C-alpha atoms as a PDB file:
ATOM      1  CA  MET A   1    -169.362 161.715  38.997  1.00  0.00           C
ATOM      2  CA  SER A   2    -166.904 164.577  39.290  1.00  0.00           C
ATOM      3  CA  TYR A   3    -163.583 163.964  37.565  1.00  0.00           C
ATOM      4  CA  PHE A   4    -160.545 165.859  38.855  1.00  0.00           C
ATOM      5  CA  ASP A   5    -157.548 163.914  37.509  1.00  0.00           C
ATOM      6  CA  TYR A   6    -156.887 165.840  34.307  1.00  0.00           C
ATOM      7  CA  ASN A   7    -153.145 165.412  34.907  1.00  0.00           C
ATOM      8  CA  ALA A   8    -153.642 161.691  34.332  1.00  0.00           C
ATOM      9  CA  THR A   9    -155.699 162.216  31.194  1.00  0.00           C
ATOM     10  CA  THR A  10    -158.274 164.549  29.723  1.00  0.00           C
ATOM     11  CA  PRO A  11    -161.514 163.554  27.996  1.00  0.00           C
ATOM     12  CA  LEU A  12    -161.453 163.602  24.220  1.00  0.00           C
ATOM     13  CA  ASP A  13    -162.769 166.891  22.851  1.00  0.00           C
ATOM     14  CA  GLU A  14    -165.742 166.313  20.530  1.00  0.00           C
ATOM     15  CA  ARG A  15    -164.107 168.543  17.906  1.00  0.00           C
ATOM     16  CA  VAL A  16    -161.000 166.363  18.050  1.00  0.00           C
ATOM     17  CA  LEU A  17    -163.070 163.206  17.607  1.00  0.00           C
ATOM     18  CA  GLU A  18    -164.814 164.785  14.620  1.00  0.00           C
ATOM     19  CA  ALA A  19    -161.447 165.482  12.988  1.00  0.00           C
ATOM     20  CA  MET A  20    -160.284 161.907  13.628  1.00  0.00           C
ATOM     21  CA  LEU A  21    -163.319 159.970  12.418  1.00  0.00           C
ATOM     22  CA  PRO A  22    -162.698 160.247   8.647  1.00  0.00           C
ATOM     23  CA  PHE A  23    -159.234 158.738   9.154  1.00  0.00           C
ATOM     24  CA  LEU A  24    -160.729 155.765  10.965  1.00  0.00           C
ATOM     25  CA  SER A  25    -163.014 154.953   8.049  1.00  0.00           C
ATOM     26  CA  THR A  26    -162.935 156.866   4.760  1.00  0.00           C
ATOM     27  CA  PHE A  27    -159.251 157.860   4.517  1.00  0.00           C
ATOM     28  CA  TYR A  28    -157.623 154.591   5.512  1.00  0.00           C
ATOM     29  CA  GLY A  29    -154.572 154.722   3.223  1.00  0.00           C
ATOM     30  CA  ASN A  30    -151.044 154.016   4.374  1.00  0.00           C
ATOM     31  CA  PRO A  31    -149.240 157.403   4.434  1.00  0.00           C
ATOM     32  CA  SER A  32    -146.136 155.764   2.951  1.00  0.00           C
ATOM     33  CA  SER A  33    -148.075 154.720  -0.166  1.00  0.00           C
ATOM     34  CA  LEU A  34    -147.763 156.775  -3.335  1.00  0.00           C
ATOM     35  CA  TYR A  35    -151.342 156.484  -4.584  1.00  0.00           C
ATOM     36  CA  ARG A  36    -154.144 158.911  -3.725  1.00  0.00           C
ATOM     37  CA  GLN A  37    -155.301 157.314  -0.462  1.00  0.00           C
ATOM     38  CA  GLY A  38    -151.746 157.307   0.838  1.00  0.00           C
ATOM     39  CA  ARG A  39    -151.075 160.871  -0.250  1.00  0.00           C
ATOM     40  CA  LEU A  40    -154.225 162.072   1.525  1.00  0.00           C
ATOM     41  CA  ALA A  41    -153.071 160.446   4.747  1.00  0.00           C
ATOM     42  CA  ARG A  42    -149.573 161.896   4.324  1.00  0.00           C
ATOM     43  CA  SER A  43    -150.950 165.372   3.726  1.00  0.00           C
ATOM     44  CA  ALA A  44    -153.093 165.114   6.860  1.00  0.00           C
ATOM     45  CA  ILE A  45    -150.079 164.084   8.952  1.00  0.00           C
ATOM     46  CA  ASP A  46    -148.063 166.986   7.567  1.00  0.00           C
ATOM     47  CA  ASN A  47    -150.870 169.354   8.517  1.00  0.00           C
ATOM     48  CA  ALA A  48    -151.052 167.903  12.043  1.00  0.00           C
ATOM     49  CA  ARG A  49    -147.294 168.332  12.412  1.00  0.00           C
ATOM     50  CA  GLU A  50    -147.675 172.003  11.523  1.00  0.00           C
ATOM     51  CA  GLN A  51    -150.481 172.383  14.079  1.00  0.00           C
ATOM     52  CA  VAL A  52    -148.346 170.883  16.846  1.00  0.00           C
ATOM     53  CA  ALA A  53    -145.356 172.952  15.742  1.00  0.00           C
ATOM     54  CA  THR A  54    -147.404 176.142  15.973  1.00  0.00           C
ATOM     55  CA  LEU A  55    -148.484 175.333  19.523  1.00  0.00           C
ATOM     56  CA  VAL A  56    -144.940 174.697  20.772  1.00  0.00           C
ATOM     57  CA  ASP A  57    -143.220 177.365  18.628  1.00  0.00           C
ATOM     58  CA  ALA A  58    -140.909 174.923  16.861  1.00  0.00           C
ATOM     59  CA  PRO A  59    -140.105 173.987  13.251  1.00  0.00           C
ATOM     60  CA  ALA A  60    -142.365 171.191  12.031  1.00  0.00           C
ATOM     61  CA  SER A  61    -139.341 169.400  10.592  1.00  0.00           C
ATOM     62  CA  GLN A  62    -137.998 168.898  14.125  1.00  0.00           C
ATOM     63  CA  ILE A  63    -141.052 167.049  15.460  1.00  0.00           C
ATOM     64  CA  ILE A  64    -141.017 163.254  15.732  1.00  0.00           C
ATOM     65  CA  PHE A  65    -144.415 161.682  16.394  1.00  0.00           C
ATOM     66  CA  THR A  66    -144.311 158.867  18.973  1.00  0.00           C
ATOM     67  CA  SER A  67    -146.773 156.662  20.841  1.00  0.00           C
ATOM     68  CA  GLY A  68    -146.837 159.149  23.730  1.00  0.00           C
ATOM     69  CA  GLY A  69    -144.798 161.071  26.253  1.00  0.00           C
ATOM     70  CA  THR A  70    -143.186 157.943  27.672  1.00  0.00           C
ATOM     71  CA  GLU A  71    -141.702 156.922  24.343  1.00  0.00           C
ATOM     72  CA  ALA A  72    -140.623 160.505  23.672  1.00  0.00           C
ATOM     73  CA  ASN A  73    -138.788 160.590  27.017  1.00  0.00           C
ATOM     74  CA  ASN A  74    -137.090 157.285  26.290  1.00  0.00           C
ATOM     75  CA  LEU A  75    -136.109 158.446  22.805  1.00  0.00           C
ATOM     76  CA  ALA A  76    -134.511 161.596  24.204  1.00  0.00           C
ATOM     77  CA  LEU A  77    -132.389 159.620  26.668  1.00  0.00           C
ATOM     78  CA  ALA A  78    -131.524 157.087  23.950  1.00  0.00           C
ATOM     79  CA  THR A  79    -129.303 159.764  22.395  1.00  0.00           C
ATOM     80  CA  LEU A  80    -126.786 158.913  25.142  1.00  0.00           C
ATOM     81  CA  THR A  81    -124.100 156.333  24.516  1.00  0.00           C
ATOM     82  CA  THR A  82    -121.592 154.445  26.674  1.00  0.00           C
ATOM     83  CA  GLN A  83    -119.502 156.631  29.012  1.00  0.00           C
ATOM     84  CA  HIS A  84    -121.887 159.569  28.690  1.00  0.00           C
ATOM     85  CA  ARG A  85    -123.187 161.223  31.842  1.00  0.00           C
ATOM     86  CA  VAL A  86    -126.821 162.069  32.532  1.00  0.00           C
ATOM     87  CA  ALA A  87    -128.359 164.043  35.385  1.00  0.00           C
ATOM     88  CA  ILE A  88    -132.079 164.017  36.153  1.00  0.00           C
ATOM     89  CA  SER A  89    -134.139 165.785  38.779  1.00  0.00           C
ATOM     90  CA  THR A  90    -135.467 163.706  41.671  1.00  0.00           C
ATOM     91  CA  THR A  91    -139.058 164.619  40.750  1.00  0.00           C
ATOM     92  CA  GLU A  92    -139.099 163.217  37.215  1.00  0.00           C
ATOM     93  CA  HIS A  93    -141.748 160.913  35.757  1.00  0.00           C
ATOM     94  CA  PRO A  94    -140.913 157.170  35.907  1.00  0.00           C
ATOM     95  CA  SER A  95    -140.402 157.152  32.137  1.00  0.00           C
ATOM     96  CA  ILE A  96    -137.335 159.287  32.784  1.00  0.00           C
ATOM     97  CA  THR A  97    -136.106 157.769  36.052  1.00  0.00           C
ATOM     98  CA  GLU A  98    -136.475 154.147  34.965  1.00  0.00           C
ATOM     99  CA  SER A  99    -134.988 154.858  31.545  1.00  0.00           C
ATOM    100  CA  ALA A 100    -131.998 156.543  33.200  1.00  0.00           C
ATOM    101  CA  ILE A 101    -131.525 153.615  35.576  1.00  0.00           C
ATOM    102  CA  SER A 102    -131.602 151.254  32.601  1.00  0.00           C
ATOM    103  CA  LEU A 103    -128.945 153.345  30.857  1.00  0.00           C
ATOM    104  CA  GLN A 104    -126.840 153.205  34.007  1.00  0.00           C
ATOM    105  CA  LYS A 105    -126.542 149.464  33.457  1.00  0.00           C
ATOM    106  CA  GLN A 106    -125.002 150.262  30.058  1.00  0.00           C
ATOM    107  CA  ASN A 107    -122.105 152.193  31.637  1.00  0.00           C
ATOM    108  CA  ILE A 108    -123.796 155.571  31.431  1.00  0.00           C
ATOM    109  CA  LYS A 109    -123.165 157.557  34.612  1.00  0.00           C
ATOM    110  CA  LEU A 110    -126.298 158.748  36.393  1.00  0.00           C
ATOM    111  CA  SER A 111    -126.656 161.502  38.983  1.00  0.00           C
ATOM    112  CA  TYR A 112    -129.676 163.152  40.569  1.00  0.00           C
ATOM    113  CA  ILE A 113    -130.605 166.814  40.943  1.00  0.00           C
ATOM    114  CA  ASN A 114    -132.313 167.544  44.253  1.00  0.00           C
ATOM    115  CA  VAL A 115    -135.133 170.058  44.636  1.00  0.00           C
ATOM    116  CA  ASP A 116    -135.913 172.262  47.630  1.00  0.00           C
ATOM    117  CA  SER A 117    -138.992 172.136  49.875  1.00  0.00           C
ATOM    118  CA  HIS A 118    -140.947 174.001  47.200  1.00  0.00           C
ATOM    119  CA  GLY A 119    -140.018 171.451  44.541  1.00  0.00           C
ATOM    120  CA  LEU A 120    -137.682 173.861  42.752  1.00  0.00           C
ATOM    121  CA  ILE A 121    -134.112 173.484  41.560  1.00  0.00           C
ATOM    122  CA  THR A 122    -131.973 176.090  43.332  1.00  0.00           C
ATOM    123  CA  ASN A 123    -129.004 178.030  41.982  1.00  0.00           C
ATOM    124  CA  ALA A 124    -126.694 176.169  44.365  1.00  0.00           C
ATOM    125  CA  THR A 125    -127.925 172.814  43.073  1.00  0.00           C
ATOM    126  CA  LEU A 126    -127.644 173.951  39.469  1.00  0.00           C
ATOM    127  CA  ASN A 127    -124.090 175.111  40.050  1.00  0.00           C
ATOM    128  CA  GLN A 128    -123.246 171.639  41.347  1.00  0.00           C
ATOM    129  CA  VAL A 129    -124.733 170.116  38.182  1.00  0.00           C
ATOM    130  CA  ILE A 130    -122.565 172.408  36.069  1.00  0.00           C
ATOM    131  CA  ARG A 131    -119.472 171.397  38.020  1.00  0.00           C
ATOM    132  CA  ASP A 132    -120.283 167.723  37.394  1.00  0.00           C
ATOM    133  CA  GLN A 133    -120.497 168.396  33.628  1.00  0.00           C
ATOM    134  CA  PRO A 134    -123.074 165.804  32.506  1.00  0.00           C
ATOM    135  CA  ASP A 135    -123.675 165.374  28.791  1.00  0.00           C
ATOM    136  CA  LEU A 136    -127.446 165.637  29.206  1.00  0.00           C
ATOM    137  CA  VAL A 137    -129.745 166.983  31.907  1.00  0.00           C
ATOM    138  CA  SER A 138    -133.467 166.135  32.096  1.00  0.00           C
ATOM    139  CA  ILE A 139    -135.755 168.472  34.043  1.00  0.00           C
ATOM    140  CA  MET A 140    -139.537 168.354  33.956  1.00  0.00           C
ATOM    141  CA  LEU A 141    -141.144 171.686  33.074  1.00  0.00           C
ATOM    142  CA  ALA A 142    -144.332 171.215  35.137  1.00  0.00           C
ATOM    143  CA  ASN A 143    -144.642 168.437  37.677  1.00  0.00           C
ATOM    144  CA  ASN A 144    -147.581 166.081  37.236  1.00  0.00           C
ATOM    145  CA  GLU A 145    -148.167 165.631  40.990  1.00  0.00           C
ATOM    146  CA  THR A 146    -147.263 168.937  42.641  1.00  0.00           C
ATOM    147  CA  GLY A 147    -147.834 171.364  39.784  1.00  0.00           C
ATOM    148  CA  VAL A 148    -144.433 172.976  40.395  1.00  0.00           C
ATOM    149  CA  ILE A 149    -143.169 174.869  37.347  1.00  0.00           C
ATOM    150  CA  GLN A 150    -139.409 175.163  36.979  1.00  0.00           C
ATOM    151  CA  ASP A 151    -137.732 178.349  35.709  1.00  0.00           C
ATOM    152  CA  LEU A 152    -136.520 176.324  32.781  1.00  0.00           C
ATOM    153  CA  ALA A 153    -135.468 179.161  30.483  1.00  0.00           C
ATOM    154  CA  THR A 154    -132.986 180.417  33.097  1.00  0.00           C
ATOM    155  CA  ILE A 155    -131.751 176.912  33.840  1.00  0.00           C
ATOM    156  CA  THR A 156    -131.263 176.177  30.143  1.00  0.00           C
ATOM    157  CA  GLN A 157    -129.353 179.392  29.586  1.00  0.00           C
ATOM    158  CA  GLN A 158    -126.854 178.451  32.295  1.00  0.00           C
ATOM    159  CA  LEU A 159    -126.494 174.861  31.097  1.00  0.00           C
ATOM    160  CA  ARG A 160    -125.994 175.882  27.477  1.00  0.00           C
ATOM    161  CA  ALA A 161    -123.332 178.370  28.509  1.00  0.00           C
ATOM    162  CA  ASN A 162    -121.442 175.400  29.937  1.00  0.00           C
ATOM    163  CA  GLY A 163    -121.912 173.094  26.960  1.00  0.00           C
ATOM    164  CA  ILE A 164    -124.560 170.881  28.582  1.00  0.00           C
ATOM    165  CA  LYS A 165    -127.582 169.617  26.635  1.00  0.00           C
ATOM    166  CA  ILE A 166    -131.020 169.683  28.257  1.00  0.00           C
ATOM    167  CA  HIS A 167    -134.208 167.709  27.791  1.00  0.00           C
ATOM    168  CA  THR A 168    -137.531 168.650  29.299  1.00  0.00           C
ATOM    169  CA  ASP A 169    -140.657 166.602  29.831  1.00  0.00           C
ATOM    170  CA  ALA A 170    -143.279 169.240  29.007  1.00  0.00           C
ATOM    171  CA  VAL A 171    -146.196 166.811  28.925  1.00  0.00           C
ATOM    172  CA  GLN A 172    -148.072 168.366  31.861  1.00  0.00           C
ATOM    173  CA  ALA A 173    -147.385 171.965  30.858  1.00  0.00           C
ATOM    174  CA  LEU A 174    -148.633 171.805  27.278  1.00  0.00           C
ATOM    175  CA  GLY A 175    -152.105 173.245  26.827  1.00  0.00           C
ATOM    176  CA  LYS A 176    -152.138 174.767  30.322  1.00  0.00           C
ATOM    177  CA  ILE A 177    -149.412 177.399  30.084  1.00  0.00           C
ATOM    178  CA  PRO A 178    -147.511 178.881  27.118  1.00  0.00           C
ATOM    179  CA  VAL A 179    -144.769 176.474  26.007  1.00  0.00           C
ATOM    180  CA  SER A 180    -142.207 177.707  23.484  1.00  0.00           C
ATOM    181  CA  PHE A 181    -139.454 175.377  22.347  1.00  0.00           C
ATOM    182  CA  LYS A 182    -137.516 178.359  21.023  1.00  0.00           C
ATOM    183  CA  GLN A 183    -137.831 180.491  24.159  1.00  0.00           C
ATOM    184  CA  LEU A 184    -137.032 177.642  26.543  1.00  0.00           C
ATOM    185  CA  ALA A 185    -134.035 176.895  24.293  1.00  0.00           C
ATOM    186  CA  VAL A 186    -133.917 173.239  25.292  1.00  0.00           C
ATOM    187  CA  HIS A 187    -132.339 170.609  23.064  1.00  0.00           C
ATOM    188  CA  PHE A 188    -135.169 168.077  23.457  1.00  0.00           C
ATOM    189  CA  MET A 189    -138.805 168.382  24.541  1.00  0.00           C
ATOM    190  CA  SER A 190    -141.384 165.638  25.127  1.00  0.00           C
ATOM    191  CA  ILE A 191    -145.126 166.272  24.743  1.00  0.00           C
ATOM    192  CA  SER A 192    -148.295 164.186  24.692  1.00  0.00           C
ATOM    193  CA  SER A 193    -151.732 164.399  23.110  1.00  0.00           C
ATOM    194  CA  HIS A 194    -154.051 163.051  25.792  1.00  0.00           C
ATOM    195  CA  LYS A 195    -153.170 165.769  28.313  1.00  0.00           C
ATOM    196  CA  LEU A 196    -154.834 168.460  26.169  1.00  0.00           C
ATOM    197  CA  TYR A 197    -158.093 166.788  25.108  1.00  0.00           C
ATOM    198  CA  GLY A 198    -156.498 164.724  22.347  1.00  0.00           C
ATOM    199  CA  PRO A 199    -156.390 160.936  21.922  1.00  0.00           C
ATOM    200  CA  LYS A 200    -154.210 158.548  23.892  1.00  0.00           C
ATOM    201  CA  GLY A 201    -151.395 156.773  22.098  1.00  0.00           C
ATOM    202  CA  CYS A 202    -149.792 159.793  20.478  1.00  0.00           C
ATOM    203  CA  GLY A 203    -147.004 162.117  21.553  1.00  0.00           C
ATOM    204  CA  ALA A 204    -143.922 163.747  20.126  1.00  0.00           C
ATOM    205  CA  LEU A 205    -140.275 164.480  20.718  1.00  0.00           C
ATOM    206  CA  ILE A 206    -139.067 167.869  19.536  1.00  0.00           C
ATOM    207  CA  TYR A 207    -135.337 168.182  18.977  1.00  0.00           C
ATOM    208  CA  GLU A 208    -132.871 170.860  18.032  1.00  0.00           C
ATOM    209  CA  LYS A 209    -131.734 170.776  14.422  1.00  0.00           C
ATOM    210  CA  GLY A 210    -128.437 169.020  13.926  1.00  0.00           C
ATOM    211  CA  LEU A 211    -128.654 166.733  16.930  1.00  0.00           C
ATOM    212  CA  LYS A 212    -128.295 163.012  16.339  1.00  0.00           C
ATOM    213  CA  ILE A 213    -131.317 160.852  17.173  1.00  0.00           C
ATOM    214  CA  ASN A 214    -130.764 157.164  17.869  1.00  0.00           C
ATOM    215  CA  PRO A 215    -134.004 155.436  16.817  1.00  0.00           C
ATOM    216  CA  MET A 216    -135.329 152.810  19.206  1.00  0.00           C
ATOM    217  CA  ILE A 217    -137.714 151.342  16.614  1.00  0.00           C
ATOM    218  CA  ILE A 218    -136.113 150.447  13.290  1.00  0.00           C
ATOM    219  CA  GLY A 219    -137.210 148.816  10.053  1.00  0.00           C
ATOM    220  CA  GLY A 220    -138.795 151.662   8.126  1.00  0.00           C
ATOM    221  CA  GLY A 221    -138.274 155.202   6.933  1.00  0.00           C
ATOM    222  CA  GLN A 222    -141.152 156.833   8.803  1.00  0.00           C
ATOM    223  CA  GLU A 223    -140.609 160.053  10.784  1.00  0.00           C
ATOM    224  CA  ARG A 224    -137.459 160.789   8.788  1.00  0.00           C
ATOM    225  CA  LYS A 225    -136.081 157.402   9.867  1.00  0.00           C
ATOM    226  CA  HIS A 226    -136.273 158.396  13.533  1.00  0.00           C
ATOM    227  CA  ARG A 227    -139.182 156.066  14.356  1.00  0.00           C
ATOM    228  CA  ALA A 228    -140.085 153.165  12.083  1.00  0.00           C
ATOM    229  CA  GLY A 229    -143.612 151.835  11.727  1.00  0.00           C
ATOM    230  CA  THR A 230    -146.794 152.874   9.960  1.00  0.00           C
ATOM    231  CA  GLU A 231    -148.046 156.067  11.571  1.00  0.00           C
ATOM    232  CA  ASN A 232    -151.114 156.114  13.820  1.00  0.00           C
ATOM    233  CA  VAL A 233    -152.808 158.476  11.401  1.00  0.00           C
ATOM    234  CA  ALA A 234    -156.097 159.110  13.226  1.00  0.00           C
ATOM    235  CA  ALA A 235    -154.328 159.753  16.546  1.00  0.00           C
ATOM    236  CA  ILE A 236    -151.845 162.123  14.916  1.00  0.00           C
ATOM    237  CA  ILE A 237    -154.717 164.004  13.276  1.00  0.00           C
ATOM    238  CA  GLY A 238    -156.377 164.199  16.699  1.00  0.00           C
ATOM    239  CA  PHE A 239    -153.188 165.480  18.279  1.00  0.00           C
ATOM    240  CA  GLY A 240    -152.949 168.161  15.619  1.00  0.00           C
ATOM    241  CA  LYS A 241    -156.529 169.282  16.149  1.00  0.00           C
ATOM    242  CA  ALA A 242    -156.095 169.281  19.932  1.00  0.00           C
ATOM    243  CA  ALA A 243    -152.974 171.416  19.511  1.00  0.00           C
ATOM    244  CA  GLU A 244    -154.825 173.838  17.251  1.00  0.00           C
ATOM    245  CA  LEU A 245    -157.624 174.203  19.806  1.00  0.00           C
ATOM    246  CA  ALA A 246    -155.155 174.567  22.691  1.00  0.00           C
ATOM    247  CA  LYS A 247    -153.391 177.387  20.846  1.00  0.00           C
ATOM    248  CA  ALA A 248    -156.647 179.208  20.136  1.00  0.00           C
ATOM    249  CA  GLU A 249    -158.109 178.726  23.615  1.00  0.00           C
ATOM    250  CA  LEU A 250    -154.989 178.886  25.796  1.00  0.00           C
ATOM    251  CA  ILE A 251    -155.755 182.245  27.420  1.00  0.00           C
ATOM    252  CA  ASP A 252    -159.298 181.225  28.379  1.00  0.00           C
ATOM    253  CA  ARG A 253    -158.193 177.787  29.588  1.00  0.00           C
ATOM    254  CA  SER A 254    -155.388 179.243  31.694  1.00  0.00           C
ATOM    255  CA  ALA A 255    -157.723 181.802  33.271  1.00  0.00           C
ATOM    256  CA  GLN A 256    -160.273 179.121  34.130  1.00  0.00           C
ATOM    257  CA  LEU A 257    -157.637 176.837  35.655  1.00  0.00           C
ATOM    258  CA  LEU A 258    -156.194 179.687  37.711  1.00  0.00           C
ATOM    259  CA  SER A 259    -159.648 180.579  39.037  1.00  0.00           C
ATOM    260  CA  LEU A 260    -160.364 176.964  39.997  1.00  0.00           C
ATOM    261  CA  ARG A 261    -156.948 176.632  41.620  1.00  0.00           C
ATOM    262  CA  ARG A 262    -157.463 179.740  43.730  1.00  0.00           C
ATOM    263  CA  GLN A 263    -160.857 178.545  44.904  1.00  0.00           C
ATOM    264  CA  LEU A 264    -159.383 175.169  45.827  1.00  0.00           C
ATOM    265  CA  GLU A 265    -156.447 176.704  47.685  1.00  0.00           C
ATOM    266  CA  ILE A 266    -158.717 179.012  49.698  1.00  0.00           C
ATOM    267  CA  GLU A 267    -160.676 176.002  50.930  1.00  0.00           C
ATOM    268  CA  LEU A 268    -157.609 173.845  51.514  1.00  0.00           C
ATOM    269  CA  LYS A 269    -155.967 176.522  53.646  1.00  0.00           C
ATOM    270  CA  THR A 270    -158.774 176.128  56.186  1.00  0.00           C
ATOM    271  CA  ILE A 271    -157.384 172.661  57.013  1.00  0.00           C
ATOM    272  CA  PRO A 272    -154.953 172.815  59.991  1.00  0.00           C
ATOM    273  CA  ASN A 273    -151.300 171.837  59.459  1.00  0.00           C
ATOM    274  CA  LEU A 274    -151.700 171.583  55.686  1.00  0.00           C
ATOM    275  CA  THR A 275    -148.752 172.340  53.392  1.00  0.00           C
ATOM    276  CA  LEU A 276    -149.452 173.484  49.837  1.00  0.00           C
ATOM    277  CA  PHE A 277    -146.868 172.791  47.149  1.00  0.00           C
ATOM    278  CA  ALA A 278    -146.662 175.084  44.129  1.00  0.00           C
ATOM    279  CA  GLY A 279    -148.922 177.616  45.792  1.00  0.00           C
ATOM    280  CA  ASP A 280    -148.589 181.392  45.307  1.00  0.00           C
END
């Protein structure tokens, strides 16, 4: 069987599985415990956080591990409170659109940012967003269905100049193209492990230092009190290893994907009346 849906999920890299296995058996300590088993688990999590931080060019202290991209998206939007305004693009993942609709029921004003026929946000549309002055804007970096990549660094620069915070769902971009939290200059970024040959059930929200995070899960001091609950140690270790491999192999992976894409587009263009989105 040929498997093409890597945007849905990737297979687990054997090297990632190898890194995870000891934390499913031998090193089973609770990372919040003070004895040796706990300290070993804590040290491994700290190392994984550094590996993820290196991949996304962000301080490790600003990474909150979550159960995946969906939770990270929800956590980013949970920073909004009553009477705030949020604007999201019309091509966002349901974990953004449905979360925003839910917030709308809590007296948070919601507006949508349209995209053009190429799936891109235009200057005219962005100017309208700026005039509306939302408190937070959420724009996906790379679309999971069309592959469209937004010029996010330019968009962020304009929004910041007007005092508007921005969140990006970078789940589909990570591991395929260079993703730098610092260069994109966003306030929040969501990422996920299982899109880059890591395990399912692990993601992260990266946030700018000084911003207030409103935890959705409470009852413990984990993740600097931003997300309570005993950490999914093995999955976090896997995420870290997957991030390390993605960093080391990014150039080769990107070249291979580009070659495959070009071959596919050449064949698709032989079909009459076909429209390609996100093509060259």
